PDB file of N, CA and C in Angstrom:
ATOM      1  N   MET A   1     -44.530  19.779 -41.401  1.00  0.00           N
ATOM      2  CA  MET A   1     -44.082  20.689 -42.138  1.00  0.00           C
ATOM      3  C   MET A   1     -42.555  20.504 -41.834  1.00  0.00           C
ATOM      4  N   PRO A   2     -41.422  21.057 -43.275  1.00  0.00           N
ATOM      5  CA  PRO A   2     -40.015  21.021 -42.428  1.00  0.00           C
ATOM      6  C   PRO A   2     -40.014  22.687 -42.296  1.00  0.00           C
ATOM      7  N   LEU A   3     -39.048  23.000 -41.006  1.00  0.00           N
ATOM      8  CA  LEU A   3     -38.514  24.251 -41.163  1.00  0.00           C
ATOM      9  C   LEU A   3     -37.420  24.588 -42.104  1.00  0.00           C
ATOM     10  N   THR A   4     -37.269  25.915 -42.229  1.00  0.00           N
ATOM     11  CA  THR A   4     -36.154  26.187 -43.158  1.00  0.00           C
ATOM     12  C   THR A   4     -35.923  27.415 -41.811  1.00  0.00           C
ATOM     13  N   GLU A   5     -34.158  27.024 -41.917  1.00  0.00           N
ATOM     14  CA  GLU A   5     -33.464  27.867 -41.071  1.00  0.00           C
ATOM     15  C   GLU A   5     -33.144  29.324 -42.311  1.00  0.00           C
ATOM     16  N   ILE A   6     -33.590  30.995 -41.368  1.00  0.00           N
ATOM     17  CA  ILE A   6     -33.359  31.605 -42.194  1.00  0.00           C
ATOM     18  C   ILE A   6     -31.874  32.211 -42.171  1.00  0.00           C
ATOM     19  N   ASP A   7     -31.397  31.743 -43.845  1.00  0.00           N
ATOM     20  CA  ASP A   7     -29.743  33.166 -43.582  1.00  0.00           C
ATOM     21  C   ASP A   7     -28.893  33.931 -44.480  1.00  0.00           C
ATOM     22  N   PHE A   8     -29.217  34.827 -43.081  1.00  0.00           N
ATOM     23  CA  PHE A   8     -29.025  36.522 -43.421  1.00  0.00           C
ATOM     24  C   PHE A   8     -27.581  36.872 -43.420  1.00  0.00           C
ATOM     25  N   SER A   9     -27.040  36.095 -45.081  1.00  0.00           N
ATOM     26  CA  SER A   9     -25.868  36.159 -45.210  1.00  0.00           C
ATOM     27  C   SER A   9     -25.200  37.885 -45.883  1.00  0.00           C
ATOM     28  N   GLY A  10     -23.624  38.274 -45.633  1.00  0.00           N
ATOM     29  CA  GLY A  10     -23.493  39.703 -46.162  1.00  0.00           C
ATOM     30  C   GLY A  10     -23.480  40.122 -44.954  1.00  0.00           C
ATOM     31  N   ALA A  11     -23.891  41.236 -45.112  1.00  0.00           N
ATOM     32  CA  ALA A  11     -23.983  42.513 -44.317  1.00  0.00           C
ATOM     33  C   ALA A  11     -25.155  42.424 -43.990  1.00  0.00           C
ATOM     34  N   ALA A  12     -26.547  41.903 -44.302  1.00  0.00           N
ATOM     35  CA  ALA A  12     -27.578  41.990 -43.927  1.00  0.00           C
ATOM     36  C   ALA A  12     -27.548  41.798 -42.842  1.00  0.00           C
ATOM     37  N   GLN A  13     -28.166  42.134 -41.753  1.00  0.00           N
ATOM     38  CA  GLN A  13     -28.644  42.389 -40.554  1.00  0.00           C
ATOM     39  C   GLN A  13     -30.683  42.415 -40.234  1.00  0.00           C
ATOM     40  N   PRO A  14     -30.873  41.596 -39.282  1.00  0.00           N
ATOM     41  CA  PRO A  14     -32.260  41.847 -39.553  1.00  0.00           C
ATOM     42  C   PRO A  14     -32.795  42.107 -37.837  1.00  0.00           C
ATOM     43  N   ILE A  15     -33.479  42.587 -38.024  1.00  0.00           N
ATOM     44  CA  ILE A  15     -34.403  43.427 -36.753  1.00  0.00           C
ATOM     45  C   ILE A  15     -35.011  42.167 -35.791  1.00  0.00           C
ATOM     46  N   ASP A  16     -33.688  42.168 -35.150  1.00  0.00           N
ATOM     47  CA  ASP A  16     -33.514  41.630 -33.836  1.00  0.00           C
ATOM     48  C   ASP A  16     -35.145  41.592 -32.890  1.00  0.00           C
ATOM     49  N   GLY A  17     -35.244  43.016 -32.165  1.00  0.00           N
ATOM     50  CA  GLY A  17     -36.323  42.510 -31.478  1.00  0.00           C
ATOM     51  C   GLY A  17     -36.466  44.847 -31.062  1.00  0.00           C
ATOM     52  N   TYR A  18     -37.244  45.143 -30.557  1.00  0.00           N
ATOM     53  CA  TYR A  18     -38.238  46.565 -30.027  1.00  0.00           C
ATOM     54  C   TYR A  18     -38.151  46.231 -28.603  1.00  0.00           C
ATOM     55  N   ALA A  19     -38.239  47.785 -28.136  1.00  0.00           N
ATOM     56  CA  ALA A  19     -38.883  47.823 -27.069  1.00  0.00           C
ATOM     57  C   ALA A  19     -39.167  49.160 -26.944  1.00  0.00           C
ATOM     58  N   PRO A  20     -39.667  49.865 -25.721  1.00  0.00           N
ATOM     59  CA  PRO A  20     -40.307  51.258 -26.060  1.00  0.00           C
ATOM     60  C   PRO A  20     -38.833  52.191 -25.836  1.00  0.00           C
ATOM     61  N   GLY A  21     -38.854  52.889 -27.107  1.00  0.00           N
ATOM     62  CA  GLY A  21     -37.656  53.880 -27.423  1.00  0.00           C
ATOM     63  C   GLY A  21     -36.532  52.887 -27.898  1.00  0.00           C
ATOM     64  N   ALA A  22     -36.267  51.617 -28.665  1.00  0.00           N
ATOM     65  CA  ALA A  22     -35.314  51.506 -28.293  1.00  0.00           C
ATOM     66  C   ALA A  22     -35.341  49.828 -29.744  1.00  0.00           C
ATOM     67  N   PHE A  23     -34.423  49.444 -30.280  1.00  0.00           N
ATOM     68  CA  PHE A  23     -34.867  48.741 -31.631  1.00  0.00           C
ATOM     69  C   PHE A  23     -33.071  47.745 -30.913  1.00  0.00           C
ATOM     70  N   ARG A  24     -32.956  46.283 -31.470  1.00  0.00           N
ATOM     71  CA  ARG A  24     -32.271  45.633 -31.053  1.00  0.00           C
ATOM     72  C   ARG A  24     -31.812  45.072 -32.442  1.00  0.00           C
ATOM     73  N   ILE A  25     -30.954  45.278 -33.638  1.00  0.00           N
ATOM     74  CA  ILE A  25     -30.960  45.252 -34.820  1.00  0.00           C
ATOM     75  C   ILE A  25     -29.192  44.724 -35.340  1.00  0.00           C
ATOM     76  N   GLY A  26     -29.595  43.436 -35.914  1.00  0.00           N
ATOM     77  CA  GLY A  26     -27.977  42.898 -35.668  1.00  0.00           C
ATOM     78  C   GLY A  26     -27.300  42.565 -34.829  1.00  0.00           C
ATOM     79  N   GLY A  27     -28.037  42.672 -33.156  1.00  0.00           N
ATOM     80  CA  GLY A  27     -26.891  42.176 -32.304  1.00  0.00           C
ATOM     81  C   GLY A  27     -26.793  43.735 -31.330  1.00  0.00           C
ATOM     82  N   ARG A  28     -26.999  44.611 -32.162  1.00  0.00           N
ATOM     83  CA  ARG A  28     -26.612  45.537 -31.681  1.00  0.00           C
ATOM     84  C   ARG A  28     -27.753  46.741 -31.039  1.00  0.00           C
ATOM     85  N   VAL A  29     -28.052  47.557 -29.724  1.00  0.00           N
ATOM     86  CA  VAL A  29     -29.098  47.915 -29.069  1.00  0.00           C
ATOM     87  C   VAL A  29     -29.202  49.589 -29.819  1.00  0.00           C
ATOM     88  N   LEU A  30     -30.032  50.390 -30.466  1.00  0.00           N
ATOM     89  CA  LEU A  30     -29.948  51.229 -30.801  1.00  0.00           C
ATOM     90  C   LEU A  30     -31.287  52.178 -30.923  1.00  0.00           C
ATOM     91  N   HIS A  31     -31.069  53.533 -30.171  1.00  0.00           N
ATOM     92  CA  HIS A  31     -32.147  54.124 -29.094  1.00  0.00           C
ATOM     93  C   HIS A  31     -32.743  55.144 -30.048  1.00  0.00           C
ATOM     94  N   GLY A  32     -34.036  55.522 -29.943  1.00  0.00           N
ATOM     95  CA  GLY A  32     -34.677  56.388 -30.865  1.00  0.00           C
ATOM     96  C   GLY A  32     -34.998  55.933 -32.186  1.00  0.00           C
ATOM     97  N   ALA A  33     -35.424  56.747 -33.097  1.00  0.00           N
ATOM     98  CA  ALA A  33     -35.651  56.577 -34.341  1.00  0.00           C
ATOM     99  C   ALA A  33     -34.675  55.834 -35.367  1.00  0.00           C
ATOM    100  N   VAL A  34     -35.041  54.581 -35.996  1.00  0.00           N
ATOM    101  CA  VAL A  34     -33.647  54.153 -36.871  1.00  0.00           C
ATOM    102  C   VAL A  34     -34.000  53.900 -38.480  1.00  0.00           C
ATOM    103  N   LEU A  35     -32.907  54.090 -39.093  1.00  0.00           N
ATOM    104  CA  LEU A  35     -33.262  53.740 -40.915  1.00  0.00           C
ATOM    105  C   LEU A  35     -32.499  52.143 -40.812  1.00  0.00           C
ATOM    106  N   VAL A  36     -32.821  50.862 -41.435  1.00  0.00           N
ATOM    107  CA  VAL A  36     -32.159  49.440 -40.945  1.00  0.00           C
ATOM    108  C   VAL A  36     -32.547  49.216 -42.944  1.00  0.00           C
ATOM    109  N   THR A  37     -31.402  48.882 -43.125  1.00  0.00           N
ATOM    110  CA  THR A  37     -30.762  48.692 -44.742  1.00  0.00           C
ATOM    111  C   THR A  37     -30.729  47.508 -44.438  1.00  0.00           C
ATOM    112  N   PRO A  38     -30.226  46.682 -46.038  1.00  0.00           N
ATOM    113  CA  PRO A  38     -29.355  45.505 -45.787  1.00  0.00           C
ATOM    114  C   PRO A  38     -28.335  45.973 -45.768  1.00  0.00           C
ATOM    115  N   MET A  39     -27.728  47.189 -46.356  1.00  0.00           N
ATOM    116  CA  MET A  39     -26.283  47.636 -45.661  1.00  0.00           C
ATOM    117  C   MET A  39     -25.799  47.981 -43.986  1.00  0.00           C
ATOM    118  N   GLY A  40     -26.521  47.918 -43.292  1.00  0.00           N
ATOM    119  CA  GLY A  40     -26.541  48.204 -42.029  1.00  0.00           C
ATOM    120  C   GLY A  40     -27.853  49.107 -41.599  1.00  0.00           C
ATOM    121  N   ALA A  41     -27.516  50.162 -40.069  1.00  0.00           N
ATOM    122  CA  ALA A  41     -28.293  50.230 -39.504  1.00  0.00           C
ATOM    123  C   ALA A  41     -28.212  51.641 -38.860  1.00  0.00           C
ATOM    124  N   GLY A  42     -28.747  52.604 -38.375  1.00  0.00           N
ATOM    125  CA  GLY A  42     -28.167  53.642 -38.365  1.00  0.00           C
ATOM    126  C   GLY A  42     -29.265  54.590 -37.342  1.00  0.00           C
ATOM    127  N   PRO A  43     -29.068  55.774 -36.831  1.00  0.00           N
ATOM    128  CA  PRO A  43     -30.110  57.016 -36.161  1.00  0.00           C
ATOM    129  C   PRO A  43     -30.829  57.065 -37.727  1.00  0.00           C
ATOM    130  N   TRP A  44     -32.226  57.560 -37.728  1.00  0.00           N
ATOM    131  CA  TRP A  44     -32.951  58.139 -38.763  1.00  0.00           C
ATOM    132  C   TRP A  44     -33.457  59.918 -37.746  1.00  0.00           C
ATOM    133  N   ALA A  45     -33.679  60.841 -39.229  1.00  0.00           N
ATOM    134  CA  ALA A  45     -33.488  62.435 -38.389  1.00  0.00           C
ATOM    135  C   ALA A  45     -35.311  62.330 -38.359  1.00  0.00           C
ATOM    136  N   GLY A  46     -35.996  61.113 -39.116  1.00  0.00           N
ATOM    137  CA  GLY A  46     -37.525  61.555 -39.026  1.00  0.00           C
ATOM    138  C   GLY A  46     -37.978  62.235 -40.692  1.00  0.00           C
ATOM    139  N   MET A  47     -39.578  62.046 -40.522  1.00  0.00           N
ATOM    140  CA  MET A  47     -39.474  62.575 -41.500  1.00  0.00           C
ATOM    141  C   MET A  47     -39.879  64.168 -42.006  1.00  0.00           C
ATOM    142  N   GLY A  48     -39.306  65.309 -41.106  1.00  0.00           N
ATOM    143  CA  GLY A  48     -38.829  66.427 -41.139  1.00  0.00           C
ATOM    144  C   GLY A  48     -38.525  67.074 -42.535  1.00  0.00           C
ATOM    145  N   ASP A  49     -37.132  66.163 -43.082  1.00  0.00           N
ATOM    146  CA  ASP A  49     -36.717  65.725 -43.929  1.00  0.00           C
ATOM    147  C   ASP A  49     -36.767  65.593 -45.702  1.00  0.00           C
ATOM    148  N   PRO A  50     -37.762  66.159 -46.417  1.00  0.00           N
ATOM    149  CA  PRO A  50     -38.144  65.037 -47.128  1.00  0.00           C
ATOM    150  C   PRO A  50     -37.377  64.912 -48.736  1.00  0.00           C
ATOM    151  N   ALA A  51     -36.794  65.283 -48.930  1.00  0.00           N
ATOM    152  CA  ALA A  51     -35.511  64.960 -49.649  1.00  0.00           C
ATOM    153  C   ALA A  51     -34.367  63.920 -49.375  1.00  0.00           C
ATOM    154  N   ALA A  52     -34.323  64.123 -47.574  1.00  0.00           N
ATOM    155  CA  ALA A  52     -32.743  63.085 -47.446  1.00  0.00           C
ATOM    156  C   ALA A  52     -32.938  61.766 -47.990  1.00  0.00           C
ATOM    157  N   LEU A  53     -33.790  61.005 -47.086  1.00  0.00           N
ATOM    158  CA  LEU A  53     -33.806  59.618 -47.484  1.00  0.00           C
ATOM    159  C   LEU A  53     -34.332  59.233 -48.985  1.00  0.00           C
ATOM    160  N   PRO A  54     -34.701  59.799 -49.842  1.00  0.00           N
ATOM    161  CA  PRO A  54     -34.898  59.888 -50.901  1.00  0.00           C
ATOM    162  C   PRO A  54     -33.287  59.652 -51.428  1.00  0.00           C
ATOM    163  N   ALA A  55     -32.572  60.656 -51.284  1.00  0.00           N
ATOM    164  CA  ALA A  55     -31.573  60.677 -52.104  1.00  0.00           C
ATOM    165  C   ALA A  55     -30.432  59.916 -50.753  1.00  0.00           C
ATOM    166  N   ALA A  56     -30.366  59.049 -50.103  1.00  0.00           N
ATOM    167  CA  ALA A  56     -29.565  57.833 -49.376  1.00  0.00           C
ATOM    168  C   ALA A  56     -30.225  56.795 -50.133  1.00  0.00           C
ATOM    169  N   LEU A  57     -31.230  56.453 -50.399  1.00  0.00           N
ATOM    170  CA  LEU A  57     -31.678  54.982 -50.617  1.00  0.00           C
ATOM    171  C   LEU A  57     -31.873  54.899 -52.428  1.00  0.00           C
ATOM    172  N   ALA A  58     -32.102  56.271 -52.745  1.00  0.00           N
ATOM    173  CA  ALA A  58     -32.480  56.093 -54.191  1.00  0.00           C
ATOM    174  C   ALA A  58     -31.141  54.813 -55.135  1.00  0.00           C
ATOM    175  N   GLY A  59     -31.845  54.072 -56.074  1.00  0.00           N
ATOM    176  CA  GLY A  59     -31.332  52.797 -56.116  1.00  0.00           C
ATOM    177  C   GLY A  59     -30.797  51.683 -55.553  1.00  0.00           C
ATOM    178  N   GLN A  60     -31.058  51.660 -54.809  1.00  0.00           N
ATOM    179  CA  GLN A  60     -30.390  50.794 -53.629  1.00  0.00           C
ATOM    180  C   GLN A  60     -31.287  50.160 -52.815  1.00  0.00           C
ATOM    181  N   VAL A  61     -33.017  50.805 -52.897  1.00  0.00           N
ATOM    182  CA  VAL A  61     -34.122  49.738 -52.144  1.00  0.00           C
ATOM    183  C   VAL A  61     -35.157  50.155 -53.211  1.00  0.00           C
ATOM    184  N   ASP A  62     -35.640  48.970 -53.646  1.00  0.00           N
ATOM    185  CA  ASP A  62     -37.344  49.178 -54.286  1.00  0.00           C
ATOM    186  C   ASP A  62     -38.097  49.350 -53.218  1.00  0.00           C
ATOM    187  N   VAL A  63     -38.342  49.064 -51.935  1.00  0.00           N
ATOM    188  CA  VAL A  63     -39.721  49.134 -51.042  1.00  0.00           C
ATOM    189  C   VAL A  63     -38.931  49.910 -49.566  1.00  0.00           C
ATOM    190  N   LEU A  64     -39.925  51.016 -48.970  1.00  0.00           N
ATOM    191  CA  LEU A  64     -38.633  51.281 -47.993  1.00  0.00           C
ATOM    192  C   LEU A  64     -40.426  51.229 -46.824  1.00  0.00           C
ATOM    193  N   PHE A  65     -40.578  50.525 -45.991  1.00  0.00           N
ATOM    194  CA  PHE A  65     -41.285  50.139 -44.402  1.00  0.00           C
ATOM    195  C   PHE A  65     -41.044  51.193 -43.806  1.00  0.00           C
ATOM    196  N   VAL A  66     -42.193  52.158 -43.152  1.00  0.00           N
ATOM    197  CA  VAL A  66     -42.190  53.135 -42.505  1.00  0.00           C
ATOM    198  C   VAL A  66     -43.121  52.634 -41.168  1.00  0.00           C
ATOM    199  N   GLY A  67     -41.924  52.038 -40.262  1.00  0.00           N
ATOM    200  CA  GLY A  67     -43.334  51.978 -38.896  1.00  0.00           C
ATOM    201  C   GLY A  67     -43.358  53.468 -38.427  1.00  0.00           C
ATOM    202  N   THR A  68     -44.593  53.026 -38.154  1.00  0.00           N
ATOM    203  CA  THR A  68     -44.958  54.963 -37.701  1.00  0.00           C
ATOM    204  C   THR A  68     -45.297  55.068 -36.033  1.00  0.00           C
ATOM    205  N   GLY A  69     -44.809  53.666 -34.841  1.00  0.00           N
ATOM    206  CA  GLY A  69     -44.828  53.589 -33.722  1.00  0.00           C
ATOM    207  C   GLY A  69     -46.071  52.726 -33.807  1.00  0.00           C
ATOM    208  N   ALA A  70     -46.949  52.985 -32.567  1.00  0.00           N
ATOM    209  CA  ALA A  70     -47.668  51.657 -31.877  1.00  0.00           C
ATOM    210  C   ALA A  70     -48.166  51.346 -33.054  1.00  0.00           C
ATOM    211  N   ALA A  71     -49.596  52.651 -33.407  1.00  0.00           N
ATOM    212  CA  ALA A  71     -50.114  52.482 -34.442  1.00  0.00           C
ATOM    213  C   ALA A  71     -49.895  53.201 -35.795  1.00  0.00           C
ATOM    214  N   MET A  72     -50.411  52.424 -37.048  1.00  0.00           N
ATOM    215  CA  MET A  72     -50.131  52.729 -37.828  1.00  0.00           C
ATOM    216  C   MET A  72     -51.055  54.911 -37.710  1.00  0.00           C
ATOM    217  N   ALA A  73     -49.736  55.070 -38.475  1.00  0.00           N
ATOM    218  CA  ALA A  73     -50.407  56.405 -38.878  1.00  0.00           C
ATOM    219  C   ALA A  73     -50.154  57.457 -40.458  1.00  0.00           C
ATOM    220  N   PRO A  74     -51.134  58.280 -41.248  1.00  0.00           N
ATOM    221  CA  PRO A  74     -50.503  58.569 -42.351  1.00  0.00           C
ATOM    222  C   PRO A  74     -49.021  59.249 -42.642  1.00  0.00           C
ATOM    223  N   LEU A  75     -48.333  59.342 -43.416  1.00  0.00           N
ATOM    224  CA  LEU A  75     -47.523  59.714 -43.579  1.00  0.00           C
ATOM    225  C   LEU A  75     -47.589  61.012 -44.249  1.00  0.00           C
ATOM    226  N   PRO A  76     -46.671  62.441 -44.173  1.00  0.00           N
ATOM    227  CA  PRO A  76     -46.707  63.366 -44.522  1.00  0.00           C
ATOM    228  C   PRO A  76     -46.761  62.942 -46.196  1.00  0.00           C
ATOM    229  N   THR A  77     -47.212  64.092 -46.616  1.00  0.00           N
ATOM    230  CA  THR A  77     -47.419  64.185 -48.047  1.00  0.00           C
ATOM    231  C   THR A  77     -46.179  64.327 -48.666  1.00  0.00           C
ATOM    232  N   ALA A  78     -45.362  65.601 -48.058  1.00  0.00           N
ATOM    233  CA  ALA A  78     -44.541  65.662 -48.536  1.00  0.00           C
ATOM    234  C   ALA A  78     -43.239  64.359 -48.597  1.00  0.00           C
ATOM    235  N   PHE A  79     -43.047  63.589 -47.987  1.00  0.00           N
ATOM    236  CA  PHE A  79     -42.059  62.209 -47.336  1.00  0.00           C
ATOM    237  C   PHE A  79     -42.692  61.530 -48.544  1.00  0.00           C
ATOM    238  N   ARG A  80     -44.035  61.149 -48.703  1.00  0.00           N
ATOM    239  CA  ARG A  80     -44.254  60.291 -49.269  1.00  0.00           C
ATOM    240  C   ARG A  80     -44.315  60.213 -51.451  1.00  0.00           C
ATOM    241  N   THR A  81     -44.725  62.110 -51.716  1.00  0.00           N
ATOM    242  CA  THR A  81     -44.077  61.987 -52.977  1.00  0.00           C
ATOM    243  C   THR A  81     -43.258  62.538 -53.075  1.00  0.00           C
ATOM    244  N   ALA A  82     -42.049  62.720 -52.294  1.00  0.00           N
ATOM    245  CA  ALA A  82     -40.395  62.389 -52.053  1.00  0.00           C
ATOM    246  C   ALA A  82     -39.510  60.872 -52.645  1.00  0.00           C
ATOM    247  N   LEU A  83     -40.231  59.924 -52.132  1.00  0.00           N
ATOM    248  CA  LEU A  83     -39.698  58.368 -51.821  1.00  0.00           C
ATOM    249  C   LEU A  83     -40.143  58.347 -53.507  1.00  0.00           C
ATOM    250  N   GLU A  84     -41.547  58.121 -53.648  1.00  0.00           N
ATOM    251  CA  GLU A  84     -42.201  57.619 -55.018  1.00  0.00           C
ATOM    252  C   GLU A  84     -41.670  58.655 -56.257  1.00  0.00           C
ATOM    253  N   GLU A  85     -41.157  59.703 -56.330  1.00  0.00           N
ATOM    254  CA  GLU A  85     -40.603  60.139 -57.177  1.00  0.00           C
ATOM    255  C   GLU A  85     -39.393  59.802 -57.757  1.00  0.00           C
ATOM    256  N   ALA A  86     -38.432  59.321 -55.994  1.00  0.00           N
ATOM    257  CA  ALA A  86     -37.599  58.721 -56.342  1.00  0.00           C
ATOM    258  C   ALA A  86     -37.395  57.027 -56.462  1.00  0.00           C
ATOM    259  N   GLY A  87     -38.729  56.703 -56.887  1.00  0.00           N
ATOM    260  CA  GLY A  87     -38.873  55.385 -57.487  1.00  0.00           C
ATOM    261  C   GLY A  87     -38.522  54.265 -56.116  1.00  0.00           C
ATOM    262  N   ILE A  88     -39.324  55.173 -55.359  1.00  0.00           N
ATOM    263  CA  ILE A  88     -39.062  54.339 -54.084  1.00  0.00           C
ATOM    264  C   ILE A  88     -40.339  53.921 -53.357  1.00  0.00           C
ATOM    265  N   GLY A  89     -41.447  52.712 -53.496  1.00  0.00           N
ATOM    266  CA  GLY A  89     -42.379  52.520 -53.291  1.00  0.00           C
ATOM    267  C   GLY A  89     -42.118  52.730 -51.004  1.00  0.00           C
ATOM    268  N   VAL A  90     -43.098  53.626 -50.441  1.00  0.00           N
ATOM    269  CA  VAL A  90     -43.840  53.353 -49.458  1.00  0.00           C
ATOM    270  C   VAL A  90     -44.498  52.969 -48.698  1.00  0.00           C
ATOM    271  N   GLU A  91     -44.541  52.427 -48.057  1.00  0.00           N
ATOM    272  CA  GLU A  91     -46.029  51.524 -46.999  1.00  0.00           C
ATOM    273  C   GLU A  91     -44.929  51.609 -45.183  1.00  0.00           C
ATOM    274  N   PRO A  92     -46.133  52.418 -45.002  1.00  0.00           N
ATOM    275  CA  PRO A  92     -46.845  52.632 -43.962  1.00  0.00           C
ATOM    276  C   PRO A  92     -47.643  51.702 -42.723  1.00  0.00           C
ATOM    277  N   MET A  93     -46.725  51.433 -41.964  1.00  0.00           N
ATOM    278  CA  MET A  93     -47.481  50.453 -40.825  1.00  0.00           C
ATOM    279  C   MET A  93     -46.948  51.033 -39.302  1.00  0.00           C
ATOM    280  N   ALA A  94     -47.701  49.882 -38.560  1.00  0.00           N
ATOM    281  CA  ALA A  94     -47.221  50.268 -37.033  1.00  0.00           C
ATOM    282  C   ALA A  94     -46.100  49.726 -37.140  1.00  0.00           C
ATOM    283  N   THR A  95     -45.116  50.361 -36.294  1.00  0.00           N
ATOM    284  CA  THR A  95     -43.921  49.465 -35.889  1.00  0.00           C
ATOM    285  C   THR A  95     -43.488  48.496 -35.837  1.00  0.00           C
ATOM    286  N   PRO A  96     -44.361  47.467 -35.384  1.00  0.00           N
ATOM    287  CA  PRO A  96     -44.023  46.345 -35.079  1.00  0.00           C
ATOM    288  C   PRO A  96     -43.942  45.369 -36.195  1.00  0.00           C
ATOM    289  N   ALA A  97     -45.361  45.418 -37.003  1.00  0.00           N
ATOM    290  CA  ALA A  97     -45.723  44.979 -38.595  1.00  0.00           C
ATOM    291  C   ALA A  97     -44.509  45.373 -39.462  1.00  0.00           C
ATOM    292  N   ALA A  98     -43.980  46.459 -39.369  1.00  0.00           N
ATOM    293  CA  ALA A  98     -42.850  46.820 -40.115  1.00  0.00           C
ATOM    294  C   ALA A  98     -41.428  45.644 -39.945  1.00  0.00           C
ATOM    295  N   CYS A  99     -41.229  45.884 -38.322  1.00  0.00           N
ATOM    296  CA  CYS A  99     -39.745  45.026 -38.134  1.00  0.00           C
ATOM    297  C   CYS A  99     -40.061  44.017 -38.805  1.00  0.00           C
ATOM    298  N   ARG A 100     -41.515  42.728 -38.188  1.00  0.00           N
ATOM    299  CA  ARG A 100     -41.372  41.964 -38.956  1.00  0.00           C
ATOM    300  C   ARG A 100     -41.728  41.489 -40.782  1.00  0.00           C
ATOM    301  N   THR A 101     -42.469  42.449 -41.060  1.00  0.00           N
ATOM    302  CA  THR A 101     -42.516  42.636 -42.622  1.00  0.00           C
ATOM    303  C   THR A 101     -41.094  42.607 -43.471  1.00  0.00           C
ATOM    304  N   TYR A 102     -40.524  43.685 -42.593  1.00  0.00           N
ATOM    305  CA  TYR A 102     -38.697  43.856 -43.280  1.00  0.00           C
ATOM    306  C   TYR A 102     -38.078  42.550 -43.301  1.00  0.00           C
ATOM    307  N   ASN A 103     -38.271  41.880 -42.077  1.00  0.00           N
ATOM    308  CA  ASN A 103     -37.196  40.849 -41.155  1.00  0.00           C
ATOM    309  C   ASN A 103     -37.621  39.463 -42.784  1.00  0.00           C
ATOM    310  N   ILE A 104     -38.995  39.443 -43.118  1.00  0.00           N
ATOM    311  CA  ILE A 104     -39.888  38.517 -44.243  1.00  0.00           C
ATOM    312  C   ILE A 104     -38.736  38.833 -45.213  1.00  0.00           C
ATOM    313  N   CYS A 105     -39.378  40.447 -45.707  1.00  0.00           N
ATOM    314  CA  CYS A 105     -38.663  40.624 -46.840  1.00  0.00           C
ATOM    315  C   CYS A 105     -37.109  40.529 -47.009  1.00  0.00           C
ATOM    316  N   LEU A 106     -36.144  40.584 -46.269  1.00  0.00           N
ATOM    317  CA  LEU A 106     -34.569  40.530 -46.158  1.00  0.00           C
ATOM    318  C   LEU A 106     -34.491  39.017 -46.306  1.00  0.00           C
ATOM    319  N   SER A 107     -35.225  38.116 -45.403  1.00  0.00           N
ATOM    320  CA  SER A 107     -34.812  36.681 -45.826  1.00  0.00           C
ATOM    321  C   SER A 107     -35.369  36.388 -47.677  1.00  0.00           C
ATOM    322  N   GLU A 108     -35.959  37.145 -47.908  1.00  0.00           N
ATOM    323  CA  GLU A 108     -36.051  36.327 -49.168  1.00  0.00           C
ATOM    324  C   GLU A 108     -34.867  36.818 -50.367  1.00  0.00           C
ATOM    325  N   GLY A 109     -34.180  38.305 -49.761  1.00  0.00           N
ATOM    326  CA  GLY A 109     -33.375  38.989 -50.478  1.00  0.00           C
ATOM    327  C   GLY A 109     -33.614  40.065 -51.556  1.00  0.00           C
ATOM    328  N   ARG A 110     -35.389  40.642 -50.698  1.00  0.00           N
ATOM    329  CA  ARG A 110     -35.367  41.758 -51.351  1.00  0.00           C
ATOM    330  C   ARG A 110     -34.693  43.065 -51.161  1.00  0.00           C
ATOM    331  N   ARG A 111     -34.778  44.017 -51.948  1.00  0.00           N
ATOM    332  CA  ARG A 111     -33.964  45.231 -51.917  1.00  0.00           C
ATOM    333  C   ARG A 111     -35.611  45.886 -51.166  1.00  0.00           C
ATOM    334  N   ILE A 112     -35.027  46.103 -49.858  1.00  0.00           N
ATOM    335  CA  ILE A 112     -35.943  46.809 -48.636  1.00  0.00           C
ATOM    336  C   ILE A 112     -35.117  47.795 -47.510  1.00  0.00           C
ATOM    337  N   ALA A 113     -35.980  48.885 -47.527  1.00  0.00           N
ATOM    338  CA  ALA A 113     -35.564  49.251 -45.979  1.00  0.00           C
ATOM    339  C   ALA A 113     -36.207  49.493 -45.384  1.00  0.00           C
ATOM    340  N   ALA A 114     -36.359  49.628 -43.789  1.00  0.00           N
ATOM    341  CA  ALA A 114     -37.065  50.203 -42.908  1.00  0.00           C
ATOM    342  C   ALA A 114     -36.698  51.204 -42.043  1.00  0.00           C
ATOM    343  N   ALA A 115     -37.985  52.289 -42.154  1.00  0.00           N
ATOM    344  CA  ALA A 115     -37.614  53.664 -41.140  1.00  0.00           C
ATOM    345  C   ALA A 115     -38.592  53.651 -39.698  1.00  0.00           C
ATOM    346  N   LEU A 116     -37.816  53.496 -38.355  1.00  0.00           N
ATOM    347  CA  LEU A 116     -38.628  52.716 -37.773  1.00  0.00           C
ATOM    348  C   LEU A 116     -38.965  53.844 -36.777  1.00  0.00           C
ATOM    349  N   ILE A 117     -39.612  53.990 -36.231  1.00  0.00           N
ATOM    350  CA  ILE A 117     -40.234  55.358 -34.967  1.00  0.00           C
ATOM    351  C   ILE A 117     -40.529  54.523 -33.892  1.00  0.00           C
ATOM    352  N   PRO A 118     -39.863  54.189 -32.592  1.00  0.00           N
ATOM    353  CA  PRO A 118     -39.647  53.386 -31.205  1.00  0.00           C
ATOM    354  C   PRO A 118     -41.275  53.701 -30.830  1.00  0.00           C
ATOM    355  N   VAL A 119     -41.819  52.571 -30.277  1.00  0.00           N
ATOM    356  CA  VAL A 119     -42.855  52.453 -30.481  1.00  0.00           C
ATOM    357  C   VAL A 119     -42.883  52.564 -28.303  1.00  0.00           C
TER     358      VAL A 119
END
């Protein structure tokens, strides 16, 4: 089977790795919860303000992968509803799975983002 090198062209930054309490994204280490989009990565305040994230992502992404930590956990209803009303699909999963899924979809050129709680 031939291997194809993934090209993250433009500003797209893959998630290079994660460790307890931190992520390495595009070669940069970020501590705590993070929001990763093809446009960049930065700190994320979490699910406390349900309207903040949809407002920031509306029209830019189609799906948000939410890494809920070491294990999958349900999302608060207000958080999920706010995203869906903004036209953003939301997929909760354990953070390691969210990182892998984000990178695969990013390599395919999809309009995605990941909101990640550290493991």
